[in-house]
Amino acid sequence: MFEGIIRMFKEKDGFVSGEEMSRRLGITRAAIWKKIKALREKGYVIEGSTAKGYRLIKTPEFSVEELKILVKGDFGKEIIFHESLDSTNTLAMELAEKGVSHGTVVIADRQLKGKGRLGRTWFSPPKGNIYMSVIVRPEIEPKDATLLTIMSAISCARAIRNSTRNESFPTGLEVNIKWPNDLMVSERKLGGILTEMKSDQDRIVFAVIGIGINVNASLDAFPSDVRAAAASVIEELRKGKGIKGDSPEISRTLIIAAILNELERWFKVLIKGGRIQLINEWKKLSSTLGRKVKVVSGKDTFSGIAEDIDEEGMLILRLPSGGLKKISAGDVIMLR
């Protein structure tokens, strides 16, 4: 019902009468008033006029109702929102095991036990950032699991680049991808992706794509060891514009919607066998290839030039000896 009211506001540049809302939604004028009151409590600024009806002045920087309007496919058709969770990935894995549908999204305003790769934690302060997990049922082989992470990184990078380009910040953010799963801007970490899955011998039954992105966070709130290498969307945009002090918050709604719509696009590429298209797109966005790097993979450490990634998303490292080393998982450290 909330989506219906918001949709009407989006359709008109001006007031919408209570009578029209009542007629189109099939509820009483009193019920409309209660819905408007509830939207205001959610952070919507709505002007009311006895003679004209209601006009939307401002939407909150995050709104599940508006998000449902903006998503265009299976990704985000079902959205589960919690103000606080231990981990969106943990809940999404539980829901996937129970059979919830492909494309279901779990979002939290705060994580108490956010997950990073290799058993690390993901610092997840309340409000302002994106903590979400997407359930997918890809019907691909387990050996291709890395392609899910590559697909997700492409989707996030493209979405942030496009959705941060607006009247206030016309240049957007030049987000790149550090192999295998880090979203980078200005050589600092803006976000990351954690893919977990359940598989049989020959297929992935389901996977959960966890996405964490610093959007409106002040880096002063981060622990010192995290702050040194972290970035946030709002601080990078302020830096690019030379703006000091407060400026309007970036809409998480628009960024999440853009990510989900990009996931819809690139997931179709993946399941239709377009791995070469995926790999080529990843290379365009890579901040890793051509760089001298150190890779920590389990107990092993390798140094060399990050030369390429193969069709399965594995990093190809040119060793000092001239030989090539394929790496399926690890931490990449950029060397000067």
Protein backbone atom coordinates (compact mmCIF):
# COMPACT_ATOMS: atom_id res chain seq x y z
CA MET A 1 0.00 0.00 0.00
CA PHE A 2 2.86 2.39 0.82
CA GLU A 3 4.37 1.66 -2.59
CA GLY A 4 1.07 2.66 -4.25
CA ILE A 5 1.09 6.07 -2.58
CA ILE A 6 4.76 6.68 -3.37
CA ARG A 7 4.20 5.61 -6.97
CA MET A 8 1.42 8.21 -7.31
CA PHE A 9 3.71 10.90 -5.93
CA LYS A 10 6.37 9.91 -8.46
CA GLU A 11 3.86 10.09 -11.33
CA LYS A 12 2.85 13.69 -10.58
CA ASP A 13 4.96 16.78 -10.10
CA GLY A 14 2.66 18.36 -7.58
CA PHE A 15 -0.25 17.55 -5.31
CA VAL A 16 -2.24 14.32 -5.39
CA SER A 17 -5.72 14.60 -3.93
CA GLY A 18 -6.83 12.36 -1.11
CA GLU A 19 -9.87 11.51 -3.22
CA GLU A 20 -7.70 10.22 -6.08
CA MET A 21 -5.55 8.17 -3.69
CA SER A 22 -8.66 6.71 -2.08
CA ARG A 23 -10.20 5.80 -5.44
CA ARG A 24 -7.05 4.25 -6.92
CA LEU A 25 -6.07 2.29 -3.82
CA GLY A 26 -9.59 1.26 -2.85
CA ILE A 27 -9.37 2.49 0.75
CA THR A 28 -11.04 5.29 2.70
CA ARG A 29 -9.76 8.86 3.00
CA ALA A 30 -9.17 8.19 6.71
CA ALA A 31 -7.00 5.20 5.80
CA ILE A 32 -5.05 7.40 3.36
CA TRP A 33 -4.40 9.89 6.15
CA LYS A 34 -3.07 7.10 8.37
CA LYS A 35 -0.75 5.90 5.57
CA ILE A 36 0.55 9.45 5.04
CA LYS A 37 1.15 9.76 8.79
CA ALA A 38 3.09 6.48 8.79
CA LEU A 39 5.20 7.60 5.81
CA ARG A 40 6.07 10.81 7.62
CA GLU A 41 7.21 8.75 10.60
CA LYS A 42 9.47 6.81 8.21
CA GLY A 43 11.19 10.05 7.22
CA TYR A 44 9.15 11.22 4.22
CA VAL A 45 8.48 14.95 4.12
CA ILE A 46 4.93 15.31 2.79
CA GLU A 47 3.06 18.61 2.50
CA GLY A 48 -0.67 18.48 3.14
CA SER A 49 -3.32 20.89 1.86
CA THR A 50 -7.05 20.67 2.62
CA ALA A 51 -7.84 21.97 -0.85
CA LYS A 52 -5.14 20.24 -2.92
CA GLY A 53 -4.26 16.99 -1.16
CA TYR A 54 -0.69 15.81 -0.57
CA ARG A 55 2.67 16.56 -2.16
CA LEU A 56 5.95 14.70 -1.64
CA ILE A 57 8.75 17.13 -0.72
CA LYS A 58 11.57 14.80 0.28
CA THR A 59 12.22 11.09 0.62
CA PRO A 60 14.51 9.54 3.27
CA GLU A 61 17.96 8.46 2.13
CA PHE A 62 16.85 4.83 2.52
CA SER A 63 13.37 3.52 1.91
CA VAL A 64 12.31 -0.09 1.37
CA GLU A 65 9.06 1.13 -0.17
CA GLU A 66 10.81 3.23 -2.78
CA LEU A 67 13.37 0.49 -3.41
CA LYS A 68 10.58 -1.92 -4.36
CA ILE A 69 9.40 0.56 -6.98
CA LEU A 70 12.86 1.03 -8.50
CA VAL A 71 13.91 -2.62 -8.92
CA LYS A 72 12.98 -4.06 -12.30
CA GLY A 73 13.46 -7.83 -12.14
CA ASP A 74 13.82 -10.85 -9.89
CA PHE A 75 16.59 -9.30 -7.82
CA GLY A 76 14.76 -7.39 -5.09
CA LYS A 77 11.27 -8.65 -5.86
CA GLU A 78 11.30 -9.85 -2.24
CA ILE A 79 13.08 -7.60 0.28
CA ILE A 80 13.57 -8.48 3.95
CA PHE A 81 14.69 -5.54 6.08
CA HIS A 82 15.92 -5.51 9.67
CA GLU A 83 17.20 -2.54 11.62
CA SER A 84 19.81 -4.79 13.21
CA LEU A 85 21.13 -8.28 12.46
CA ASP A 86 24.15 -10.32 13.45
CA SER A 87 24.87 -10.81 9.73
CA THR A 88 22.78 -10.47 6.59
CA ASN A 89 24.70 -13.41 5.09
CA THR A 90 23.86 -15.64 8.05
CA LEU A 91 20.14 -14.93 7.79
CA ALA A 92 20.18 -15.22 3.99
CA MET A 93 21.88 -18.64 4.19
CA GLU A 94 19.21 -19.81 6.63
CA LEU A 95 16.42 -18.53 4.41
CA ALA A 96 17.96 -20.05 1.29
CA GLU A 97 18.12 -23.42 3.06
CA LYS A 98 14.39 -23.08 3.76
CA GLY A 99 13.70 -22.54 0.06
CA VAL A 100 13.08 -18.80 -0.32
CA SER A 101 13.07 -17.63 -3.90
CA HIS A 102 15.96 -16.63 -6.15
CA GLY A 103 16.63 -12.89 -5.97
CA THR A 104 15.44 -12.42 -2.38
CA VAL A 105 17.40 -9.64 -0.66
CA VAL A 106 18.20 -9.26 3.04
CA ILE A 107 19.13 -5.74 4.16
CA ALA A 108 20.14 -4.42 7.59
CA ASP A 109 20.84 -0.95 8.91
CA ARG A 110 23.42 -2.44 11.24
CA GLN A 111 25.34 -5.70 11.64
CA LEU A 112 26.57 -6.92 14.99
CA LYS A 113 28.72 -9.70 13.53
CA GLY A 114 29.32 -8.66 9.94
CA LYS A 115 31.34 -11.15 7.90
CA GLY A 116 34.40 -10.53 5.78
CA ARG A 117 36.47 -12.98 3.77
CA LEU A 118 38.65 -15.62 5.43
CA GLY A 119 36.75 -15.44 8.72
CA ARG A 120 37.34 -11.73 9.23
CA THR A 121 34.72 -9.31 10.55
CA TRP A 122 33.17 -6.49 8.52
CA PHE A 123 32.88 -3.26 10.53
CA SER A 124 29.18 -2.36 10.30
CA PRO A 125 28.22 0.81 12.20
CA PRO A 126 24.49 1.70 12.34
CA LYS A 127 22.77 3.74 9.64
CA GLY A 128 24.23 5.15 6.47
CA ASN A 129 26.00 2.16 4.88
CA ILE A 130 24.88 -0.78 2.75
CA TYR A 131 24.80 -4.22 4.34
CA MET A 132 22.88 -6.64 2.16
CA SER A 133 22.84 -10.22 0.95
CA VAL A 134 21.25 -11.58 -2.21
CA ILE A 135 20.11 -15.19 -2.60
CA VAL A 136 20.79 -16.71 -6.02
CA ARG A 137 20.06 -20.14 -7.46
CA PRO A 138 22.41 -20.12 -10.44
CA GLU A 139 22.45 -23.78 -11.54
CA ILE A 140 26.14 -23.56 -12.44
CA GLU A 141 29.02 -25.84 -11.52
CA PRO A 142 30.89 -25.26 -8.23
CA LYS A 143 34.13 -24.63 -10.17
CA ASP A 144 32.48 -21.50 -11.58
CA ALA A 145 31.66 -20.04 -8.16
CA THR A 146 34.33 -17.35 -8.54
CA LEU A 147 32.34 -16.00 -11.48
CA LEU A 148 29.50 -15.13 -9.08
CA THR A 149 31.86 -12.88 -7.16
CA ILE A 150 33.21 -11.37 -10.39
CA MET A 151 29.65 -10.76 -11.63
CA SER A 152 28.76 -9.10 -8.32
CA ALA A 153 31.84 -6.89 -8.29
CA ILE A 154 31.07 -5.68 -11.81
CA SER A 155 27.47 -4.96 -10.83
CA CYS A 156 28.47 -2.98 -7.73
CA ALA A 157 31.20 -0.98 -9.48
CA ARG A 158 28.96 -0.05 -12.40
CA ALA A 159 26.05 0.79 -10.12
CA ILE A 160 28.07 3.08 -7.85
CA ARG A 161 29.71 4.81 -10.82
CA ASN A 162 26.32 5.57 -12.36
CA SER A 163 24.16 6.23 -9.30
CA THR A 164 26.58 8.72 -7.73
CA ARG A 165 26.54 10.90 -10.83
CA ASN A 166 23.88 13.59 -10.26
CA GLU A 167 23.36 17.36 -10.11
CA SER A 168 25.22 17.68 -6.80
CA PHE A 169 28.10 15.41 -7.86
CA PRO A 170 28.18 15.33 -11.69
CA THR A 171 31.38 13.32 -12.03
CA GLY A 172 30.38 10.21 -10.07
CA LEU A 173 32.94 7.89 -8.51
CA GLU A 174 35.54 5.98 -10.51
CA VAL A 175 35.14 2.70 -8.64
CA ASN A 176 37.52 -0.12 -9.56
CA ILE A 177 37.83 -3.76 -8.55
CA LYS A 178 40.81 -5.30 -6.77
CA TRP A 179 40.95 -9.05 -7.31
CA PRO A 180 39.01 -10.92 -6.19
CA ASN A 181 36.29 -8.99 -4.38
CA ASP A 182 37.25 -5.49 -3.21
CA LEU A 183 35.60 -2.30 -4.46
CA MET A 184 38.25 0.40 -4.57
CA VAL A 185 38.34 4.15 -5.06
CA SER A 186 41.49 6.27 -4.84
CA GLU A 187 43.42 3.13 -3.80
CA ARG A 188 41.19 2.78 -0.71
CA LYS A 189 38.61 0.14 0.07
CA LEU A 190 35.03 1.28 -0.46
CA GLY A 191 33.36 -2.11 -0.14
CA GLY A 192 33.66 -5.84 -0.42
CA ILE A 193 31.80 -8.95 -1.50
CA LEU A 194 31.52 -12.27 0.33
CA THR A 195 30.02 -15.21 -1.57
CA GLU A 196 28.91 -18.26 0.39
CA MET A 197 27.16 -21.27 -1.10
CA LYS A 198 25.73 -24.75 -0.78
CA SER A 199 26.62 -27.13 -3.59
CA ASP A 200 26.21 -30.71 -4.75
CA GLN A 201 28.94 -32.52 -6.64
CA ASP A 202 27.98 -31.01 -10.00
CA ARG A 203 25.97 -27.86 -9.27
CA ILE A 204 25.56 -24.93 -6.91
CA VAL A 205 22.23 -25.42 -5.11
CA PHE A 206 22.19 -21.82 -3.92
CA ALA A 207 24.61 -19.02 -3.16
CA VAL A 208 24.43 -15.92 -1.00
CA ILE A 209 26.19 -12.80 -2.26
CA GLY A 210 27.01 -10.54 0.67
CA ILE A 211 27.69 -6.89 -0.18
CA GLY A 212 29.08 -4.28 2.18
CA ILE A 213 29.63 -0.70 0.98
CA ASN A 214 30.54 2.40 2.98
CA VAL A 215 28.15 5.10 1.78
CA ASN A 216 27.42 7.89 4.29
CA ALA A 217 29.86 6.76 6.97
CA SER A 218 32.31 9.17 8.52
CA LEU A 219 35.67 7.45 8.54
CA ASP A 220 36.32 8.99 11.96
CA ALA A 221 33.89 6.40 13.34
CA PHE A 222 36.01 3.50 12.06
CA PRO A 223 38.71 1.74 14.10
CA SER A 224 42.11 3.22 13.31
CA ASP A 225 43.39 0.11 11.54
CA VAL A 226 40.32 0.07 9.26
CA ARG A 227 40.23 3.84 8.76
CA ALA A 228 43.72 3.91 7.29
CA ALA A 229 42.64 1.93 4.22
CA ALA A 230 38.91 2.69 4.01
CA ALA A 231 36.81 5.02 1.88
CA SER A 232 33.17 6.05 1.85
CA VAL A 233 31.04 7.32 -1.01
CA ILE A 234 30.11 10.60 0.66
CA GLU A 235 33.67 11.48 1.72
CA GLU A 236 35.09 10.69 -1.71
CA LEU A 237 32.45 12.82 -3.42
CA ARG A 238 33.03 15.69 -1.00
CA LYS A 239 36.73 15.41 -1.69
CA GLY A 240 36.17 15.53 -5.44
CA LYS A 241 33.97 18.62 -5.15
CA GLY A 242 36.13 20.31 -2.55
CA ILE A 243 33.12 20.52 -0.22
CA LYS A 244 33.80 20.92 3.48
CA GLY A 245 31.42 20.15 6.30
CA ASP A 246 27.93 18.78 5.84
CA SER A 247 26.41 18.05 2.44
CA PRO A 248 23.31 16.05 1.52
CA GLU A 249 23.46 12.36 2.31
CA ILE A 250 23.82 9.98 -0.60
CA SER A 251 20.69 7.92 -1.25
CA ARG A 252 21.29 4.28 -0.31
CA THR A 253 17.97 3.54 -1.99
CA LEU A 254 19.27 4.63 -5.39
CA ILE A 255 22.58 2.79 -5.01
CA ILE A 256 20.95 -0.46 -3.86
CA ALA A 257 18.38 -0.29 -6.66
CA ALA A 258 21.15 0.29 -9.18
CA ILE A 259 23.12 -2.68 -7.81
CA LEU A 260 20.10 -4.99 -7.97
CA ASN A 261 19.29 -3.93 -11.52
CA GLU A 262 22.92 -4.45 -12.58
CA LEU A 263 22.90 -7.87 -10.90
CA GLU A 264 19.83 -8.72 -12.95
CA ARG A 265 21.67 -7.78 -16.11
CA TRP A 266 24.98 -9.52 -15.40
CA PHE A 267 23.43 -12.65 -13.90
CA LYS A 268 21.66 -13.21 -17.21
CA VAL A 269 25.01 -12.86 -18.97
CA LEU A 270 26.51 -15.47 -16.62
CA ILE A 271 23.79 -18.11 -16.92
CA LYS A 272 23.66 -17.72 -20.71
CA GLY A 273 27.32 -18.71 -20.86
CA GLY A 274 28.74 -15.24 -21.37
CA ARG A 275 31.81 -15.77 -19.21
CA ILE A 276 34.11 -14.07 -21.73
CA GLN A 277 31.88 -10.98 -21.66
CA LEU A 278 32.03 -11.04 -17.84
CA ILE A 279 35.81 -11.44 -17.76
CA ASN A 280 36.31 -8.64 -20.30
CA GLU A 281 34.07 -6.29 -18.32
CA TRP A 282 35.94 -7.13 -15.11
CA LYS A 283 39.25 -6.33 -16.83
CA LYS A 284 37.95 -2.88 -17.80
CA LEU A 285 37.26 -2.16 -14.13
CA SER A 286 40.32 -3.85 -12.65
CA SER A 287 42.77 -1.97 -10.44
CA THR A 288 44.94 -5.11 -10.18
CA LEU A 289 46.08 -6.11 -13.65
CA GLY A 290 49.47 -4.84 -14.76
CA ARG A 291 50.47 -4.04 -11.18
CA LYS A 292 53.27 -5.52 -9.09
CA VAL A 293 51.58 -7.40 -6.26
CA LYS A 294 52.09 -9.77 -3.36
CA VAL A 295 49.46 -12.48 -3.01
CA VAL A 296 48.92 -14.34 0.26
CA SER A 297 47.14 -17.60 -0.56
CA GLY A 298 46.72 -19.85 2.46
CA LYS A 299 50.17 -20.52 3.86
CA ASP A 300 51.87 -19.49 0.61
CA THR A 301 52.99 -16.03 -0.51
CA PHE A 302 53.79 -15.12 -4.10
CA SER A 303 55.06 -11.88 -5.65
CA GLY A 304 55.00 -10.83 -9.27
CA ILE A 305 53.01 -8.97 -11.90
CA ALA A 306 49.24 -9.50 -11.97
CA GLU A 307 49.08 -10.37 -15.64
CA ASP A 308 45.54 -11.61 -16.28
CA ILE A 309 42.56 -13.58 -15.03
CA ASP A 310 41.42 -16.76 -16.75
CA GLU A 311 37.92 -17.88 -17.79
CA GLU A 312 37.22 -19.17 -14.27
CA GLY A 313 38.25 -15.90 -12.64
CA MET A 314 41.59 -17.16 -11.35
CA LEU A 315 44.41 -14.63 -11.09
CA ILE A 316 47.40 -15.28 -13.35
CA LEU A 317 50.61 -14.05 -11.75
CA ARG A 318 53.87 -13.57 -13.68
CA LEU A 319 56.58 -14.66 -11.24
CA PRO A 320 60.10 -13.11 -11.15
CA SER A 321 61.37 -16.33 -12.76
CA GLY A 322 59.15 -15.63 -15.77
CA GLY A 323 56.81 -18.51 -15.02
CA LEU A 324 53.06 -18.18 -14.54
CA LYS A 325 51.13 -19.04 -11.39
CA LYS A 326 47.35 -19.42 -11.25
CA ILE A 327 45.76 -18.42 -7.94
CA SER A 328 42.16 -19.29 -7.07
CA ALA A 329 41.89 -17.37 -3.78
CA GLY A 330 44.02 -15.04 -1.73
CA ASP A 331 44.71 -11.53 -0.49
CA VAL A 332 46.33 -9.12 -2.93
CA ILE A 333 48.66 -6.42 -1.65
CA MET A 334 49.74 -3.77 -4.12
CA LEU A 335 53.46 -3.15 -4.27
CA ARG A 336 55.19 -0.02 -5.49
